Structures are given as structure tokens and as C-alpha cells.
Amino acid sequence: MRYPLVAIALVAPTMAFAATPSRAEQMAAKLDQRFQQADTNHDGKLSPDEAKAGMPRLAKNFQAIDSNGDGAVTESEITAFMQSKAANR
């Protein structure tokens, strides 16, 4: 009976740590939430006007983020831009 209690005592803190979202996961969730709020017509991309209204900091880099030049940015384009910027630091 004693060994299962010891095992639980050793495993429980590890499980609690694993359940805590990483910083990257938290940032991705926040980006998704803000993107969904800014995407007022729910087409899965932000127009320049949607970006200005809902994500003004993003709007300042809109052209650079719009990697395919279609005049709109997707969440994946934003993520790629952010990863590129982080890699250059």
C-alpha cells in the first residue's frame, strides 16, 4: 500500500507541470482569440480595415505579413511573420 502513495507523490507534480500551457501555447491561444474578434466577417482572414480596427499593431506591418500579396492576412501568415521576427533576434 505504501508504494502506490509514493508513486503518486512523485508523479503528481510532473502531471501538474505538464498540464500548464507553455508560453508559446498561451501566445497562440491569445492570437487566435484576438484574430477571431478582429475578423468581423468571419472569412478566416483580415482585411486592412479589420486589422486597423481590431489589431492596430498588426496593421502597421500589414504589407510585410501579407506574404502572398492577396490584400488580406491569415492567422498562419501572422504566425509565420512572428516566428521569422523571433528567429532574427
PDB file of N, CA and C in Angstrom:
ATOM      1  N   MET A   1       0.829  -1.200   0.000  1.00  0.00           N
ATOM      2  CA  MET A   1       0.000   0.000   0.000  1.00  0.00           C
ATOM      3  C   MET A   1       0.865   1.252   0.000  1.00  0.00           C
ATOM      4  N   ARG A   2       2.015   1.156   0.584  1.00  0.00           N
ATOM      5  CA  ARG A   2       2.875   2.318   0.718  1.00  0.00           C
ATOM      6  C   ARG A   2       3.443   2.768  -0.632  1.00  0.00           C
ATOM      7  N   TYR A   3       3.799   1.831  -1.498  1.00  0.00           N
ATOM      8  CA  TYR A   3       4.425   2.159  -2.777  1.00  0.00           C
ATOM      9  C   TYR A   3       3.513   2.956  -3.715  1.00  0.00           C
ATOM     10  N   PRO A   4       2.231   2.624  -3.820  1.00  0.00           N
ATOM     11  CA  PRO A   4       1.369   3.451  -4.672  1.00  0.00           C
ATOM     12  C   PRO A   4       1.301   4.907  -4.208  1.00  0.00           C
ATOM     13  N   LEU A   5       1.312   5.131  -2.899  1.00  0.00           N
ATOM     14  CA  LEU A   5       1.278   6.503  -2.397  1.00  0.00           C
ATOM     15  C   LEU A   5       2.557   7.249  -2.753  1.00  0.00           C
ATOM     16  N   VAL A   6       3.680   6.571  -2.673  1.00  0.00           N
ATOM     17  CA  VAL A   6       4.958   7.180  -3.044  1.00  0.00           C
ATOM     18  C   VAL A   6       4.958   7.495  -4.536  1.00  0.00           C
ATOM     19  N   ALA A   7       4.468   6.571  -5.333  1.00  0.00           N
ATOM     20  CA  ALA A   7       4.406   6.787  -6.777  1.00  0.00           C
ATOM     21  C   ALA A   7       3.529   7.988  -7.110  1.00  0.00           C
ATOM     22  N   ILE A   8       2.394   8.087  -6.458  1.00  0.00           N
ATOM     23  CA  ILE A   8       1.500   9.230  -6.687  1.00  0.00           C
ATOM     24  C   ILE A   8       2.182  10.524  -6.272  1.00  0.00           C
ATOM     25  N   ALA A   9       2.872  10.503  -5.158  1.00  0.00           N
ATOM     26  CA  ALA A   9       3.561  11.703  -4.678  1.00  0.00           C
ATOM     27  C   ALA A   9       4.640  12.156  -5.651  1.00  0.00           C
ATOM     28  N   LEU A  10       5.273  11.222  -6.324  1.00  0.00           N
ATOM     29  CA  LEU A  10       6.319  11.573  -7.285  1.00  0.00           C
ATOM     30  C   LEU A  10       5.757  12.002  -8.634  1.00  0.00           C
ATOM     31  N   VAL A  11       4.653  11.423  -9.046  1.00  0.00           N
ATOM     32  CA  VAL A  11       4.088  11.685 -10.368  1.00  0.00           C
ATOM     33  C   VAL A  11       3.191  12.920 -10.382  1.00  0.00           C
ATOM     34  N   ALA A  12       2.504  13.205  -9.315  1.00  0.00           N
ATOM     35  CA  ALA A  12       1.537  14.310  -9.283  1.00  0.00           C
ATOM     36  C   ALA A  12       2.144  15.655  -9.675  1.00  0.00           C
ATOM     37  N   PRO A  13       3.301  16.051  -9.140  1.00  0.00           N
ATOM     38  CA  PRO A  13       3.863  17.346  -9.556  1.00  0.00           C
ATOM     39  C   PRO A  13       4.216  17.389 -11.042  1.00  0.00           C
ATOM     40  N   THR A  14       4.677  16.274 -11.580  1.00  0.00           N
ATOM     41  CA  THR A  14       5.003  16.206 -13.001  1.00  0.00           C
ATOM     42  C   THR A  14       3.753  16.391 -13.839  1.00  0.00           C
ATOM     43  N   MET A  15       2.673  15.757 -13.435  1.00  0.00           N
ATOM     44  CA  MET A  15       1.416  15.880 -14.171  1.00  0.00           C
ATOM     45  C   MET A  15       0.893  17.309 -14.102  1.00  0.00           C
ATOM     46  N   ALA A  16       1.020  17.946 -12.965  1.00  0.00           N
ATOM     47  CA  ALA A  16       0.561  19.331 -12.824  1.00  0.00           C
ATOM     48  C   ALA A  16       1.368  20.246 -13.727  1.00  0.00           C
ATOM     49  N   PHE A  17       2.674  20.018 -13.800  1.00  0.00           N
ATOM     50  CA  PHE A  17       3.524  20.835 -14.667  1.00  0.00           C
ATOM     51  C   PHE A  17       3.160  20.619 -16.126  1.00  0.00           C
ATOM     52  N   ALA A  18       2.898  19.384 -16.514  1.00  0.00           N
ATOM     53  CA  ALA A  18       2.553  19.074 -17.898  1.00  0.00           C
ATOM     54  C   ALA A  18       1.217  19.691 -18.288  1.00  0.00           C
ATOM     55  N   ALA A  19       0.333  19.893 -17.337  1.00  0.00           N
ATOM     56  CA  ALA A  19      -0.975  20.463 -17.625  1.00  0.00           C
ATOM     57  C   ALA A  19      -0.918  21.974 -17.812  1.00  0.00           C
ATOM     58  N   THR A  20       0.168  22.599 -17.386  1.00  0.00           N
ATOM     59  CA  THR A  20       0.313  24.039 -17.523  1.00  0.00           C
ATOM     60  C   THR A  20       0.693  24.368 -18.958  1.00  0.00           C
ATOM     61  N   PRO A  21      -0.093  25.221 -19.630  1.00  0.00           N
ATOM     62  CA  PRO A  21       0.235  25.556 -21.017  1.00  0.00           C
ATOM     63  C   PRO A  21       1.560  26.307 -21.102  1.00  0.00           C
ATOM     64  N   SER A  22       2.317  26.008 -22.133  1.00  0.00           N
ATOM     65  CA  SER A  22       3.585  26.702 -22.337  1.00  0.00           C
ATOM     66  C   SER A  22       3.316  28.133 -22.779  1.00  0.00           C
ATOM     67  N   ARG A  23       4.344  28.931 -22.719  1.00  0.00           N
ATOM     68  CA  ARG A  23       4.217  30.326 -23.149  1.00  0.00           C
ATOM     69  C   ARG A  23       3.796  30.395 -24.617  1.00  0.00           C
ATOM     70  N   ALA A  24       4.362  29.543 -25.446  1.00  0.00           N
ATOM     71  CA  ALA A  24       4.011  29.527 -26.871  1.00  0.00           C
ATOM     72  C   ALA A  24       2.539  29.169 -27.063  1.00  0.00           C
ATOM     73  N   GLU A  25       2.059  28.198 -26.281  1.00  0.00           N
ATOM     74  CA  GLU A  25       0.651  27.816 -26.380  1.00  0.00           C
ATOM     75  C   GLU A  25      -0.255  28.949 -25.923  1.00  0.00           C
ATOM     76  N   GLN A  26       0.148  29.645 -24.873  1.00  0.00           N
ATOM     77  CA  GLN A  26      -0.640  30.776 -24.386  1.00  0.00           C
ATOM     78  C   GLN A  26      -0.687  31.888 -25.430  1.00  0.00           C
ATOM     79  N   MET A  27       0.461  32.164 -26.051  1.00  0.00           N
ATOM     80  CA  MET A  27       0.504  33.213 -27.070  1.00  0.00           C
ATOM     81  C   MET A  27      -0.333  32.825 -28.284  1.00  0.00           C
ATOM     82  N   ALA A  28      -0.285  31.560 -28.685  1.00  0.00           N
ATOM     83  CA  ALA A  28      -1.079  31.092 -29.821  1.00  0.00           C
ATOM     84  C   ALA A  28      -2.567  31.211 -29.521  1.00  0.00           C
ATOM     85  N   ALA A  29      -2.959  30.877 -28.313  1.00  0.00           N
ATOM     86  CA  ALA A  29      -4.367  30.986 -27.927  1.00  0.00           C
ATOM     87  C   ALA A  29      -4.818  32.440 -27.916  1.00  0.00           C
ATOM     88  N   LYS A  30      -3.961  33.325 -27.420  1.00  0.00           N
ATOM     89  CA  LYS A  30      -4.300  34.748 -27.387  1.00  0.00           C
ATOM     90  C   LYS A  30      -4.399  35.301 -28.808  1.00  0.00           C
ATOM     91  N   LEU A  31      -3.463  34.909 -29.678  1.00  0.00           N
ATOM     92  CA  LEU A  31      -3.519  35.351 -31.070  1.00  0.00           C
ATOM     93  C   LEU A  31      -4.805  34.881 -31.715  1.00  0.00           C
ATOM     94  N   ASP A  32      -5.164  33.621 -31.507  1.00  0.00           N
ATOM     95  CA  ASP A  32      -6.387  33.081 -32.094  1.00  0.00           C
ATOM     96  C   ASP A  32      -7.610  33.852 -31.614  1.00  0.00           C
ATOM     97  N   GLN A  33      -7.652  34.148 -30.330  1.00  0.00           N
ATOM     98  CA  GLN A  33      -8.785  34.890 -29.770  1.00  0.00           C
ATOM     99  C   GLN A  33      -8.879  36.288 -30.381  1.00  0.00           C
ATOM    100  N   ARG A  34      -7.756  36.986 -30.441  1.00  0.00           N
ATOM    101  CA  ARG A  34      -7.755  38.343 -30.998  1.00  0.00           C
ATOM    102  C   ARG A  34      -8.075  38.323 -32.489  1.00  0.00           C
ATOM    103  N   PHE A  35      -7.560  37.332 -33.203  1.00  0.00           N
ATOM    104  CA  PHE A  35      -7.825  37.215 -34.637  1.00  0.00           C
ATOM    105  C   PHE A  35      -9.318  37.004 -34.875  1.00  0.00           C
ATOM    106  N   GLN A  36      -9.920  36.093 -34.116  1.00  0.00           N
ATOM    107  CA  GLN A  36     -11.350  35.813 -34.277  1.00  0.00           C
ATOM    108  C   GLN A  36     -12.198  37.052 -33.995  1.00  0.00           C
ATOM    109  N   GLN A  37     -11.800  37.846 -33.011  1.00  0.00           N
ATOM    110  CA  GLN A  37     -12.533  39.075 -32.702  1.00  0.00           C
ATOM    111  C   GLN A  37     -12.372  40.106 -33.814  1.00  0.00           C
ATOM    112  N   ALA A  38     -11.175  40.201 -34.376  1.00  0.00           N
ATOM    113  CA  ALA A  38     -10.915  41.196 -35.419  1.00  0.00           C
ATOM    114  C   ALA A  38     -11.548  40.803 -36.750  1.00  0.00           C
ATOM    115  N   ASP A  39     -11.696  39.519 -37.006  1.00  0.00           N
ATOM    116  CA  ASP A  39     -12.260  39.016 -38.267  1.00  0.00           C
ATOM    117  C   ASP A  39     -13.781  39.144 -38.220  1.00  0.00           C
ATOM    118  N   THR A  40     -14.258  40.359 -38.418  1.00  0.00           N
ATOM    119  CA  THR A  40     -15.680  40.651 -38.211  1.00  0.00           C
ATOM    120  C   THR A  40     -16.599  39.970 -39.217  1.00  0.00           C
ATOM    121  N   ASN A  41     -16.114  39.673 -40.419  1.00  0.00           N
ATOM    122  CA  ASN A  41     -16.975  38.989 -41.387  1.00  0.00           C
ATOM    123  C   ASN A  41     -16.754  37.473 -41.381  1.00  0.00           C
ATOM    124  N   HIS A  42     -15.880  36.995 -40.496  1.00  0.00           N
ATOM    125  CA  HIS A  42     -15.641  35.566 -40.263  1.00  0.00           C
ATOM    126  C   HIS A  42     -15.269  34.796 -41.532  1.00  0.00           C
ATOM    127  N   ASP A  43     -14.401  35.413 -42.358  1.00  0.00           N
ATOM    128  CA  ASP A  43     -13.948  34.726 -43.567  1.00  0.00           C
ATOM    129  C   ASP A  43     -12.579  34.070 -43.399  1.00  0.00           C
ATOM    130  N   GLY A  44     -12.013  34.137 -42.204  1.00  0.00           N
ATOM    131  CA  GLY A  44     -10.736  33.491 -41.936  1.00  0.00           C
ATOM    132  C   GLY A  44      -9.519  34.308 -42.315  1.00  0.00           C
ATOM    133  N   LYS A  45      -9.741  35.557 -42.670  1.00  0.00           N
ATOM    134  CA  LYS A  45      -8.624  36.452 -42.985  1.00  0.00           C
ATOM    135  C   LYS A  45      -8.998  37.870 -42.593  1.00  0.00           C
ATOM    136  N   LEU A  46      -7.972  38.701 -42.401  1.00  0.00           N
ATOM    137  CA  LEU A  46      -8.207  40.091 -42.025  1.00  0.00           C
ATOM    138  C   LEU A  46      -7.921  41.000 -43.203  1.00  0.00           C
ATOM    139  N   SER A  47      -8.858  41.872 -43.472  1.00  0.00           N
ATOM    140  CA  SER A  47      -8.638  42.934 -44.453  1.00  0.00           C
ATOM    141  C   SER A  47      -7.845  44.037 -43.754  1.00  0.00           C
ATOM    142  N   PRO A  48      -7.312  44.986 -44.519  1.00  0.00           N
ATOM    143  CA  PRO A  48      -6.616  46.099 -43.866  1.00  0.00           C
ATOM    144  C   PRO A  48      -7.502  46.835 -42.857  1.00  0.00           C
ATOM    145  N   ASP A  49      -8.774  47.023 -43.193  1.00  0.00           N
ATOM    146  CA  ASP A  49      -9.687  47.720 -42.280  1.00  0.00           C
ATOM    147  C   ASP A  49      -9.942  46.916 -41.004  1.00  0.00           C
ATOM    148  N   GLU A  50     -10.121  45.603 -41.144  1.00  0.00           N
ATOM    149  CA  GLU A  50     -10.318  44.764 -39.959  1.00  0.00           C
ATOM    150  C   GLU A  50      -9.069  44.794 -39.078  1.00  0.00           C
ATOM    151  N   ALA A  51      -7.906  44.770 -39.706  1.00  0.00           N
ATOM    152  CA  ALA A  51      -6.655  44.813 -38.946  1.00  0.00           C
ATOM    153  C   ALA A  51      -6.521  46.139 -38.203  1.00  0.00           C
ATOM    154  N   LYS A  52      -6.816  47.244 -38.870  1.00  0.00           N
ATOM    155  CA  LYS A  52      -6.723  48.563 -38.222  1.00  0.00           C
ATOM    156  C   LYS A  52      -7.654  48.652 -37.025  1.00  0.00           C
ATOM    157  N   ALA A  53      -8.862  48.145 -37.187  1.00  0.00           N
ATOM    158  CA  ALA A  53      -9.858  48.246 -36.118  1.00  0.00           C
ATOM    159  C   ALA A  53      -9.596  47.263 -34.976  1.00  0.00           C
ATOM    160  N   GLY A  54      -9.195  46.041 -35.304  1.00  0.00           N
ATOM    161  CA  GLY A  54      -9.098  45.013 -34.278  1.00  0.00           C
ATOM    162  C   GLY A  54      -7.705  44.671 -33.795  1.00  0.00           C
ATOM    163  N   MET A  55      -6.699  44.928 -34.642  1.00  0.00           N
ATOM    164  CA  MET A  55      -5.316  44.592 -34.284  1.00  0.00           C
ATOM    165  C   MET A  55      -4.397  45.681 -34.837  1.00  0.00           C
ATOM    166  N   PRO A  56      -4.446  46.881 -34.245  1.00  0.00           N
ATOM    167  CA  PRO A  56      -3.718  48.026 -34.804  1.00  0.00           C
ATOM    168  C   PRO A  56      -2.211  47.828 -34.937  1.00  0.00           C
ATOM    169  N   ARG A  57      -1.585  47.102 -34.030  1.00  0.00           N
ATOM    170  CA  ARG A  57      -0.135  46.857 -34.157  1.00  0.00           C
ATOM    171  C   ARG A  57       0.152  45.989 -35.374  1.00  0.00           C
ATOM    172  N   LEU A  58      -0.714  45.046 -35.631  1.00  0.00           N
ATOM    173  CA  LEU A  58      -0.580  44.206 -36.815  1.00  0.00           C
ATOM    174  C   LEU A  58      -0.742  45.043 -38.076  1.00  0.00           C
ATOM    175  N   ALA A  59      -1.664  45.978 -38.048  1.00  0.00           N
ATOM    176  CA  ALA A  59      -1.933  46.814 -39.221  1.00  0.00           C
ATOM    177  C   ALA A  59      -0.693  47.581 -39.667  1.00  0.00           C
ATOM    178  N   LYS A  60       0.172  47.931 -38.728  1.00  0.00           N
ATOM    179  CA  LYS A  60       1.391  48.672 -39.074  1.00  0.00           C
ATOM    180  C   LYS A  60       2.338  47.843 -39.936  1.00  0.00           C
ATOM    181  N   ASN A  61       2.273  46.529 -39.822  1.00  0.00           N
ATOM    182  CA  ASN A  61       3.133  45.627 -40.598  1.00  0.00           C
ATOM    183  C   ASN A  61       2.340  44.809 -41.618  1.00  0.00           C
ATOM    184  N   PHE A  62       1.160  45.282 -41.960  1.00  0.00           N
ATOM    185  CA  PHE A  62       0.236  44.509 -42.786  1.00  0.00           C
ATOM    186  C   PHE A  62       0.885  44.011 -44.076  1.00  0.00           C
ATOM    187  N   GLN A  63       1.541  44.900 -44.807  1.00  0.00           N
ATOM    188  CA  GLN A  63       2.145  44.521 -46.097  1.00  0.00           C
ATOM    189  C   GLN A  63       3.204  43.439 -45.919  1.00  0.00           C
ATOM    190  N   ALA A  64       4.011  43.551 -44.878  1.00  0.00           N
ATOM    191  CA  ALA A  64       5.064  42.560 -44.633  1.00  0.00           C
ATOM    192  C   ALA A  64       4.475  41.211 -44.219  1.00  0.00           C
ATOM    193  N   ILE A  65       3.381  41.235 -43.493  1.00  0.00           N
ATOM    194  CA  ILE A  65       2.750  39.999 -43.026  1.00  0.00           C
ATOM    195  C   ILE A  65       2.024  39.296 -44.165  1.00  0.00           C
ATOM    196  N   ASP A  66       1.446  40.058 -45.081  1.00  0.00           N
ATOM    197  CA  ASP A  66       0.693  39.504 -46.217  1.00  0.00           C
ATOM    198  C   ASP A  66       1.668  38.876 -47.212  1.00  0.00           C
ATOM    199  N   SER A  67       2.153  37.698 -46.885  1.00  0.00           N
ATOM    200  CA  SER A  67       3.226  37.068 -47.662  1.00  0.00           C
ATOM    201  C   SER A  67       2.824  36.676 -49.078  1.00  0.00           C
ATOM    202  N   ASN A  68       1.550  36.398 -49.323  1.00  0.00           N
ATOM    203  CA  ASN A  68       1.139  36.035 -50.678  1.00  0.00           C
ATOM    204  C   ASN A  68       0.581  37.217 -51.465  1.00  0.00           C
ATOM    205  N   GLY A  69       0.543  38.387 -50.851  1.00  0.00           N
ATOM    206  CA  GLY A  69       0.142  39.609 -51.541  1.00  0.00           C
ATOM    207  C   GLY A  69      -1.302  39.662 -51.998  1.00  0.00           C
ATOM    208  N   ASP A  70      -2.188  38.951 -51.304  1.00  0.00           N
ATOM    209  CA  ASP A  70      -3.595  38.950 -51.716  1.00  0.00           C
ATOM    210  C   ASP A  70      -4.423  40.052 -51.067  1.00  0.00           C
ATOM    211  N   GLY A  71      -3.784  40.924 -50.290  1.00  0.00           N
ATOM    212  CA  GLY A  71      -4.508  42.029 -49.672  1.00  0.00           C
ATOM    213  C   GLY A  71      -5.207  41.667 -48.377  1.00  0.00           C
ATOM    214  N   ALA A  72      -4.926  40.481 -47.858  1.00  0.00           N
ATOM    215  CA  ALA A  72      -5.507  40.034 -46.593  1.00  0.00           C
ATOM    216  C   ALA A  72      -4.462  39.194 -45.871  1.00  0.00           C
ATOM    217  N   VAL A  73      -4.585  39.112 -44.558  1.00  0.00           N
ATOM    218  CA  VAL A  73      -3.669  38.271 -43.789  1.00  0.00           C
ATOM    219  C   VAL A  73      -4.447  37.189 -43.053  1.00  0.00           C
ATOM    220  N   THR A  74      -3.867  36.012 -43.045  1.00  0.00           N
ATOM    221  CA  THR A  74      -4.451  34.885 -42.326  1.00  0.00           C
ATOM    222  C   THR A  74      -3.702  34.702 -41.015  1.00  0.00           C
ATOM    223  N   GLU A  75      -4.270  33.890 -40.170  1.00  0.00           N
ATOM    224  CA  GLU A  75      -3.626  33.612 -38.889  1.00  0.00           C
ATOM    225  C   GLU A  75      -2.281  32.920 -39.111  1.00  0.00           C
ATOM    226  N   SER A  76      -2.202  32.057 -40.116  1.00  0.00           N
ATOM    227  CA  SER A  76      -0.930  31.375 -40.382  1.00  0.00           C
ATOM    228  C   SER A  76       0.128  32.344 -40.905  1.00  0.00           C
ATOM    229  N   GLU A  77      -0.267  33.358 -41.673  1.00  0.00           N
ATOM    230  CA  GLU A  77       0.689  34.375 -42.124  1.00  0.00           C
ATOM    231  C   GLU A  77       1.208  35.188 -40.934  1.00  0.00           C
ATOM    232  N   ILE A  78       0.331  35.484 -39.998  1.00  0.00           N
ATOM    233  CA  ILE A  78       0.740  36.233 -38.803  1.00  0.00           C
ATOM    234  C   ILE A  78       1.727  35.398 -37.993  1.00  0.00           C
ATOM    235  N   THR A  79       1.409  34.129 -37.807  1.00  0.00           N
ATOM    236  CA  THR A  79       2.288  33.238 -37.048  1.00  0.00           C
ATOM    237  C   THR A  79       3.653  33.122 -37.717  1.00  0.00           C
ATOM    238  N   ALA A  80       3.672  32.952 -39.032  1.00  0.00           N
ATOM    239  CA  ALA A  80       4.942  32.849 -39.764  1.00  0.00           C
ATOM    240  C   ALA A  80       5.758  34.127 -39.620  1.00  0.00           C
ATOM    241  N   PHE A  81       5.101  35.273 -39.683  1.00  0.00           N
ATOM    242  CA  PHE A  81       5.785  36.562 -39.532  1.00  0.00           C
ATOM    243  C   PHE A  81       6.392  36.678 -38.137  1.00  0.00           C
ATOM    244  N   MET A  82       5.611  36.306 -37.120  1.00  0.00           N
ATOM    245  CA  MET A  82       6.094  36.387 -35.741  1.00  0.00           C
ATOM    246  C   MET A  82       7.275  35.444 -35.518  1.00  0.00           C
ATOM    247  N   GLN A  83       7.211  34.247 -36.080  1.00  0.00           N
ATOM    248  CA  GLN A  83       8.307  33.292 -35.938  1.00  0.00           C
ATOM    249  C   GLN A  83       9.555  33.802 -36.638  1.00  0.00           C
ATOM    250  N   SER A  84       9.376  34.425 -37.788  1.00  0.00           N
ATOM    251  CA  SER A  84      10.505  34.990 -38.527  1.00  0.00           C
ATOM    252  C   SER A  84      11.172  36.098 -37.722  1.00  0.00           C
ATOM    253  N   LYS A  85      10.371  36.964 -37.136  1.00  0.00           N
ATOM    254  CA  LYS A  85      10.904  38.053 -36.314  1.00  0.00           C
ATOM    255  C   LYS A  85      11.642  37.505 -35.092  1.00  0.00           C
ATOM    256  N   ALA A  86      11.076  36.486 -34.459  1.00  0.00           N
ATOM    257  CA  ALA A  86      11.706  35.891 -33.279  1.00  0.00           C
ATOM    258  C   ALA A  86      13.036  35.231 -33.645  1.00  0.00           C
ATOM    259  N   ALA A  87      13.096  34.611 -34.805  1.00  0.00           N
ATOM    260  CA  ALA A  87      14.326  33.943 -35.241  1.00  0.00           C
ATOM    261  C   ALA A  87      15.432  34.945 -35.544  1.00  0.00           C
ATOM    262  N   ASN A  88      15.056  36.155 -35.936  1.00  0.00           N
ATOM    263  CA  ASN A  88      16.036  37.185 -36.277  1.00  0.00           C
ATOM    264  C   ASN A  88      16.576  37.928 -35.062  1.00  0.00           C
ATOM    265  N   ARG A  89      16.058  37.642 -33.879  1.00  0.00           N
ATOM    266  CA  ARG A  89      16.520  38.337 -32.667  1.00  0.00           C
ATOM    267  C   ARG A  89      17.787  37.761 -32.142  1.00  0.00           C
TER     268      ARG A  89
END
